[in-house]
C-alpha atoms as a PDB file:
ATOM      1  CA  UNK A   1       0.000   0.000   0.000  1.00  0.00           C
ATOM      2  CA  UNK A   2       1.380   3.406  -0.962  1.00  0.00           C
ATOM      3  CA  UNK A   3       0.963   6.166   1.551  1.00  0.00           C
ATOM      4  CA  UNK A   4       0.708   9.735   0.323  1.00  0.00           C
ATOM      5  CA  UNK A   5       3.096  11.892   2.278  1.00  0.00           C
ATOM      6  CA  UNK A   6       3.451  15.652   2.540  1.00  0.00           C
ATOM      7  CA  UNK A   7       6.444  15.458   0.206  1.00  0.00           C
ATOM      8  CA  UNK A   8       4.328  13.563  -2.319  1.00  0.00           C
ATOM      9  CA  UNK A   9       1.605  16.206  -2.109  1.00  0.00           C
ATOM     10  CA  UNK A  10       4.150  18.979  -2.631  1.00  0.00           C
ATOM     11  CA  UNK A  11       5.607  17.141  -5.628  1.00  0.00           C
ATOM     12  CA  UNK A  12       2.108  16.637  -7.110  1.00  0.00           C
ATOM     13  CA  UNK A  13       1.324  20.318  -6.558  1.00  0.00           C
ATOM     14  CA  UNK A  14       4.589  21.410  -8.181  1.00  0.00           C
ATOM     15  CA  UNK A  15       3.959  19.079 -11.145  1.00  0.00           C
ATOM     16  CA  UNK A  16       0.448  20.438 -11.694  1.00  0.00           C
ATOM     17  CA  UNK A  17       1.392  24.036 -11.039  1.00  0.00           C
ATOM     18  CA  UNK A  18       4.374  23.963 -13.382  1.00  0.00           C
ATOM     19  CA  UNK A  19       2.252  22.627 -16.236  1.00  0.00           C
ATOM     20  CA  UNK A  20      -0.937  24.597 -15.709  1.00  0.00           C
ATOM     21  CA  UNK A  21       0.546  28.020 -15.069  1.00  0.00           C
ATOM     22  CA  UNK A  22      -0.378  28.644 -11.428  1.00  0.00           C
ATOM     23  CA  UNK A  23       2.959  29.756 -10.065  1.00  0.00           C
ATOM     24  CA  UNK A  24       4.186  31.426  -6.928  1.00  0.00           C
ATOM     25  CA  UNK A  25       5.579  34.444  -8.758  1.00  0.00           C
ATOM     26  CA  UNK A  26       2.213  36.130  -9.225  1.00  0.00           C
ATOM     27  CA  UNK A  27       3.851  39.515  -8.932  1.00  0.00           C
ATOM     28  CA  UNK A  28       4.715  39.342 -12.639  1.00  0.00           C
ATOM     29  CA  UNK A  29       1.062  38.873 -13.617  1.00  0.00           C
ATOM     30  CA  UNK A  30      -1.666  41.418 -13.641  1.00  0.00           C
ATOM     31  CA  UNK A  31      -3.944  40.946 -10.644  1.00  0.00           C
ATOM     32  CA  UNK A  32      -7.108  40.786 -12.749  1.00  0.00           C
ATOM     33  CA  UNK A  33      -5.691  38.042 -14.959  1.00  0.00           C
ATOM     34  CA  UNK A  34      -4.569  36.110 -11.900  1.00  0.00           C
ATOM     35  CA  UNK A  35      -8.023  36.432 -10.309  1.00  0.00           C
ATOM     36  CA  UNK A  36      -9.661  35.292 -13.559  1.00  0.00           C
ATOM     37  CA  UNK A  37      -7.403  32.219 -13.592  1.00  0.00           C
ATOM     38  CA  UNK A  38      -8.285  31.396  -9.997  1.00  0.00           C
ATOM     39  CA  UNK A  39     -11.996  31.924 -10.709  1.00  0.00           C
ATOM     40  CA  UNK A  40     -11.752  29.638 -13.748  1.00  0.00           C
ATOM     41  CA  UNK A  41      -9.947  27.008 -11.704  1.00  0.00           C
ATOM     42  CA  UNK A  42     -12.535  27.071  -8.910  1.00  0.00           C
ATOM     43  CA  UNK A  43     -15.357  27.219 -11.446  1.00  0.00           C
ATOM     44  CA  UNK A  44     -14.082  24.078 -13.158  1.00  0.00           C
ATOM     45  CA  UNK A  45     -13.744  22.384  -9.782  1.00  0.00           C
ATOM     46  CA  UNK A  46     -17.322  23.390  -8.919  1.00  0.00           C
ATOM     47  CA  UNK A  47     -18.655  22.090 -12.244  1.00  0.00           C
ATOM     48  CA  UNK A  48     -16.770  18.841 -11.667  1.00  0.00           C
ATOM     49  CA  UNK A  49     -18.242  18.524  -8.168  1.00  0.00           C
ATOM     50  CA  UNK A  50     -21.758  19.214  -9.401  1.00  0.00           C
ATOM     51  CA  UNK A  51     -21.136  16.728 -12.207  1.00  0.00           C
ATOM     52  CA  UNK A  52     -20.134  14.070  -9.715  1.00  0.00           C
ATOM     53  CA  UNK A  53     -23.240  14.755  -7.642  1.00  0.00           C
ATOM     54  CA  UNK A  54     -25.663  14.639 -10.583  1.00  0.00           C
ATOM     55  CA  UNK A  55     -23.857  11.955 -12.579  1.00  0.00           C
ATOM     56  CA  UNK A  56     -22.822  14.302 -15.418  1.00  0.00           C
ATOM     57  CA  UNK A  57     -26.212  13.939 -17.128  1.00  0.00           C
ATOM     58  CA  UNK A  58     -27.452  17.441 -16.445  1.00  0.00           C
ATOM     59  CA  UNK A  59     -24.053  19.122 -16.291  1.00  0.00           C
ATOM     60  CA  UNK A  60     -22.778  17.466 -19.484  1.00  0.00           C
ATOM     61  CA  UNK A  61     -25.783  18.661 -21.473  1.00  0.00           C
ATOM     62  CA  UNK A  62     -25.463  22.151 -20.003  1.00  0.00           C
ATOM     63  CA  UNK A  63     -21.778  22.351 -20.890  1.00  0.00           C
ATOM     64  CA  UNK A  64     -22.482  21.049 -24.397  1.00  0.00           C
ATOM     65  CA  UNK A  65     -25.238  23.612 -24.990  1.00  0.00           C
ATOM     66  CA  UNK A  66     -23.161  26.403 -23.477  1.00  0.00           C
ATOM     67  CA  UNK A  67     -20.173  25.636 -25.681  1.00  0.00           C
ATOM     68  CA  UNK A  68     -22.415  25.386 -28.747  1.00  0.00           C
ATOM     69  CA  UNK A  69     -23.909  28.796 -28.005  1.00  0.00           C
ATOM     70  CA  UNK A  70     -20.459  30.272 -27.370  1.00  0.00           C
ATOM     71  CA  UNK A  71     -19.086  28.964 -30.658  1.00  0.00           C
ATOM     72  CA  UNK A  72     -22.167  30.096 -32.591  1.00  0.00           C
ATOM     73  CA  UNK A  73     -21.894  33.558 -31.027  1.00  0.00           C
ATOM     74  CA  UNK A  74     -18.192  33.808 -31.894  1.00  0.00           C
ATOM     75  CA  UNK A  75     -18.889  32.597 -35.433  1.00  0.00           C
ATOM     76  CA  UNK A  76     -21.657  35.160 -35.903  1.00  0.00           C
ATOM     77  CA  UNK A  77     -19.497  38.025 -34.621  1.00  0.00           C
ATOM     78  CA  UNK A  78     -16.556  36.961 -36.802  1.00  0.00           C
ATOM     79  CA  UNK A  79     -18.801  36.681 -39.849  1.00  0.00           C
ATOM     80  CA  UNK A  80     -20.180  40.160 -39.127  1.00  0.00           C
ATOM     81  CA  UNK A  81     -16.606  41.462 -38.867  1.00  0.00           C
ATOM     82  CA  UNK A  82     -15.739  39.983 -42.263  1.00  0.00           C
ATOM     83  CA  UNK A  83     -18.964  41.321 -43.813  1.00  0.00           C
ATOM     84  CA  UNK A  84     -18.715  44.866 -42.476  1.00  0.00           C
ATOM     85  CA  UNK A  85     -15.026  45.323 -41.751  1.00  0.00           C
ATOM     86  CA  UNK A  86     -13.544  43.727 -44.846  1.00  0.00           C
ATOM     87  CA  UNK A  87     -16.563  44.303 -47.132  1.00  0.00           C
ATOM     88  CA  UNK A  88     -16.794  40.654 -48.199  1.00  0.00           C
ATOM     89  CA  UNK A  89     -19.960  39.137 -49.584  1.00  0.00           C
ATOM     90  CA  UNK A  90     -21.848  36.529 -47.546  1.00  0.00           C
ATOM     91  CA  UNK A  91     -20.267  33.491 -49.228  1.00  0.00           C
ATOM     92  CA  UNK A  92     -16.683  34.708 -48.807  1.00  0.00           C
ATOM     93  CA  UNK A  93     -17.343  35.888 -45.250  1.00  0.00           C
ATOM     94  CA  UNK A  94     -18.616  32.425 -44.339  1.00  0.00           C
ATOM     95  CA  UNK A  95     -15.578  30.806 -45.996  1.00  0.00           C
ATOM     96  CA  UNK A  96     -13.203  33.159 -44.153  1.00  0.00           C
ATOM     97  CA  UNK A  97     -14.997  32.401 -40.877  1.00  0.00           C
ATOM     98  CA  UNK A  98     -14.696  28.666 -41.472  1.00  0.00           C
ATOM     99  CA  UNK A  99     -10.977  28.884 -42.241  1.00  0.00           C
ATOM    100  CA  UNK A 100     -10.393  31.149 -39.252  1.00  0.00           C
ATOM    101  CA  UNK A 101     -12.140  28.623 -37.010  1.00  0.00           C
ATOM    102  CA  UNK A 102     -10.061  25.806 -38.483  1.00  0.00           C
ATOM    103  CA  UNK A 103      -6.821  27.709 -37.863  1.00  0.00           C
ATOM    104  CA  UNK A 104      -7.939  28.539 -34.323  1.00  0.00           C
ATOM    105  CA  UNK A 105      -8.672  24.841 -33.730  1.00  0.00           C
ATOM    106  CA  UNK A 106      -5.213  23.903 -35.031  1.00  0.00           C
ATOM    107  CA  UNK A 107      -3.615  26.508 -32.767  1.00  0.00           C
ATOM    108  CA  UNK A 108      -5.577  25.282 -29.762  1.00  0.00           C
ATOM    109  CA  UNK A 109      -4.619  21.684 -30.543  1.00  0.00           C
ATOM    110  CA  UNK A 110      -0.960  22.722 -30.743  1.00  0.00           C
ATOM    111  CA  UNK A 111      -1.157  24.511 -27.390  1.00  0.00           C
ATOM    112  CA  UNK A 112      -2.873  21.542 -25.725  1.00  0.00           C
ATOM    113  CA  UNK A 113      -0.301  19.170 -27.212  1.00  0.00           C
ATOM    114  CA  UNK A 114       2.549  21.399 -26.061  1.00  0.00           C
ATOM    115  CA  UNK A 115       1.059  21.686 -22.564  1.00  0.00           C
ATOM    116  CA  UNK A 116       0.451  17.970 -22.086  1.00  0.00           C
ATOM    117  CA  UNK A 117       3.627  16.690 -23.743  1.00  0.00           C
ATOM    118  CA  UNK A 118       5.651  17.484 -20.601  1.00  0.00           C
ATOM    119  CA  UNK A 119       3.148  15.714 -18.405  1.00  0.00           C
ATOM    120  CA  UNK A 120       3.119  12.753 -20.796  1.00  0.00           C
ATOM    121  CA  UNK A 121       6.917  12.490 -20.656  1.00  0.00           C
ATOM    122  CA  UNK A 122       6.897  12.496 -16.852  1.00  0.00           C
ATOM    123  CA  UNK A 123       4.132   9.902 -16.703  1.00  0.00           C
ATOM    124  CA  UNK A 124       6.008   7.768 -19.223  1.00  0.00           C
ATOM    125  CA  UNK A 125       9.177   7.952 -17.112  1.00  0.00           C
ATOM    126  CA  UNK A 126       7.186   6.963 -14.008  1.00  0.00           C
ATOM    127  CA  UNK A 127       5.616   4.040 -15.890  1.00  0.00           C
ATOM    128  CA  UNK A 128       9.053   2.802 -16.917  1.00  0.00           C
ATOM    129  CA  UNK A 129      10.188   2.945 -13.286  1.00  0.00           C
ATOM    130  CA  UNK A 130       7.083   1.098 -12.116  1.00  0.00           C
ATOM    131  CA  UNK A 131       7.514  -1.533 -14.833  1.00  0.00           C
ATOM    132  CA  UNK A 132      11.092  -2.150 -13.687  1.00  0.00           C
ATOM    133  CA  UNK A 133       9.911  -2.518 -10.085  1.00  0.00           C
ATOM    134  CA  UNK A 134       7.194  -4.971 -11.152  1.00  0.00           C
ATOM    135  CA  UNK A 135       9.683  -7.007 -13.175  1.00  0.00           C
ATOM    136  CA  UNK A 136      12.040  -7.154 -10.195  1.00  0.00           C
ATOM    137  CA  UNK A 137       9.193  -8.341  -7.954  1.00  0.00           C
ATOM    138  CA  UNK A 138       8.100 -10.927 -10.529  1.00  0.00           C
ATOM    139  CA  UNK A 139      11.614 -12.306 -10.934  1.00  0.00           C
ATOM    140  CA  UNK A 140      11.949 -12.415  -7.148  1.00  0.00           C
ATOM    141  CA  UNK A 141       8.686 -14.287  -6.568  1.00  0.00           C
ATOM    142  CA  UNK A 142       8.520 -16.327  -9.792  1.00  0.00           C
ATOM    143  CA  UNK A 143      10.800 -19.038  -8.391  1.00  0.00           C
ATOM    144  CA  UNK A 144       8.634 -19.341  -5.280  1.00  0.00           C
ATOM    145  CA  UNK A 145       5.464 -19.640  -7.369  1.00  0.00           C
ATOM    146  CA  UNK A 146       6.932 -22.294  -9.665  1.00  0.00           C
ATOM    147  CA  UNK A 147       8.243 -24.298  -6.688  1.00  0.00           C
ATOM    148  CA  UNK A 148       4.805 -24.132  -5.058  1.00  0.00           C
ATOM    149  CA  UNK A 149       3.051 -25.122  -8.321  1.00  0.00           C
ATOM    150  CA  UNK A 150       5.384 -28.076  -8.858  1.00  0.00           C
ATOM    151  CA  UNK A 151       4.771 -29.298  -5.315  1.00  0.00           C
ATOM    152  CA  UNK A 152       1.019 -29.692  -6.010  1.00  0.00           C
ATOM    153  CA  UNK A 153      -0.491 -32.940  -7.252  1.00  0.00           C
ATOM    154  CA  UNK A 154      -2.961 -33.085 -10.168  1.00  0.00           C
ATOM    155  CA  UNK A 155      -6.123 -32.706  -8.062  1.00  0.00           C
ATOM    156  CA  UNK A 156      -4.767 -29.651  -6.199  1.00  0.00           C
ATOM    157  CA  UNK A 157      -3.620 -28.053  -9.469  1.00  0.00           C
ATOM    158  CA  UNK A 158      -7.122 -28.550 -10.901  1.00  0.00           C
ATOM    159  CA  UNK A 159      -8.700 -27.141  -7.726  1.00  0.00           C
ATOM    160  CA  UNK A 160      -6.359 -24.125  -7.796  1.00  0.00           C
ATOM    161  CA  UNK A 161      -7.237 -23.338 -11.415  1.00  0.00           C
ATOM    162  CA  UNK A 162     -10.967 -23.621 -10.647  1.00  0.00           C
ATOM    163  CA  UNK A 163     -10.567 -21.438  -7.544  1.00  0.00           C
ATOM    164  CA  UNK A 164      -8.648 -18.750  -9.411  1.00  0.00           C
ATOM    165  CA  UNK A 165     -11.253 -18.794 -12.180  1.00  0.00           C
ATOM    166  CA  UNK A 166     -14.090 -18.423  -9.665  1.00  0.00           C
ATOM    167  CA  UNK A 167     -12.294 -15.470  -8.067  1.00  0.00           C
ATOM    168  CA  UNK A 168     -11.267 -13.850 -11.381  1.00  0.00           C
ATOM    169  CA  UNK A 169     -14.605 -14.019 -13.238  1.00  0.00           C
ATOM    170  CA  UNK A 170     -16.560 -11.625 -10.963  1.00  0.00           C
ATOM    171  CA  UNK A 171     -13.623  -9.210 -10.945  1.00  0.00           C
ATOM    172  CA  UNK A 172     -13.374  -9.277 -14.746  1.00  0.00           C
ATOM    173  CA  UNK A 173     -17.159  -8.864 -15.030  1.00  0.00           C
ATOM    174  CA  UNK A 174     -17.105  -5.782 -12.785  1.00  0.00           C
ATOM    175  CA  UNK A 175     -14.219  -4.244 -14.745  1.00  0.00           C
ATOM    176  CA  UNK A 176     -16.051  -4.889 -18.043  1.00  0.00           C
ATOM    177  CA  UNK A 177     -19.244  -3.357 -16.642  1.00  0.00           C
ATOM    178  CA  UNK A 178     -17.438  -0.231 -15.467  1.00  0.00           C
ATOM    179  CA  UNK A 179     -15.573   0.178 -18.763  1.00  0.00           C
ATOM    180  CA  UNK A 180     -18.836  -0.343 -20.674  1.00  0.00           C
ATOM    181  CA  UNK A 181     -20.539   2.389 -18.622  1.00  0.00           C
ATOM    182  CA  UNK A 182     -17.635   4.759 -19.278  1.00  0.00           C
ATOM    183  CA  UNK A 183     -17.736   4.107 -23.021  1.00  0.00           C
ATOM    184  CA  UNK A 184     -21.532   4.484 -23.045  1.00  0.00           C
ATOM    185  CA  UNK A 185     -21.230   7.867 -21.300  1.00  0.00           C
ATOM    186  CA  UNK A 186     -18.569   9.045 -23.745  1.00  0.00           C
ATOM    187  CA  UNK A 187     -20.546   8.018 -26.816  1.00  0.00           C
END
């Protein structure tokens, strides 16, 4: 069992804060921007909490509708800018709006990829360390397991396989049920 220590909490906080931009040197930032970031952070935490309480049915639909309205509003304002500001006709203004949205999506995808690539590298390094630890434990205990298995007679081997199957099937069924619910919620 792994216990979470104060040092572990500080390391988790420093990992999250270094990748999500909440730093201790807030003196360099404008106070309004810093307060907006904190409000956004607490707002997301509140939406997540409400989502956990209501099972994400109501909150997910509200977020989806809100984002749809936000994107439609931005598209309408951008199209109006192209129509009035650049004196384009309706067809060309819609085309320019579509290409602007596509370029904004590519830029956002690049920023998200850049932000999460550092986290991915750290998680990958931790997974490699954990894999090495698991391999060391397996090599340490593999001899004991094979000696125990070889000491069993045919009836006890059969009983062990049946017992492990009886224990494993409910566990596998629960995991499949949970993964099915997650996929059903995502789709």
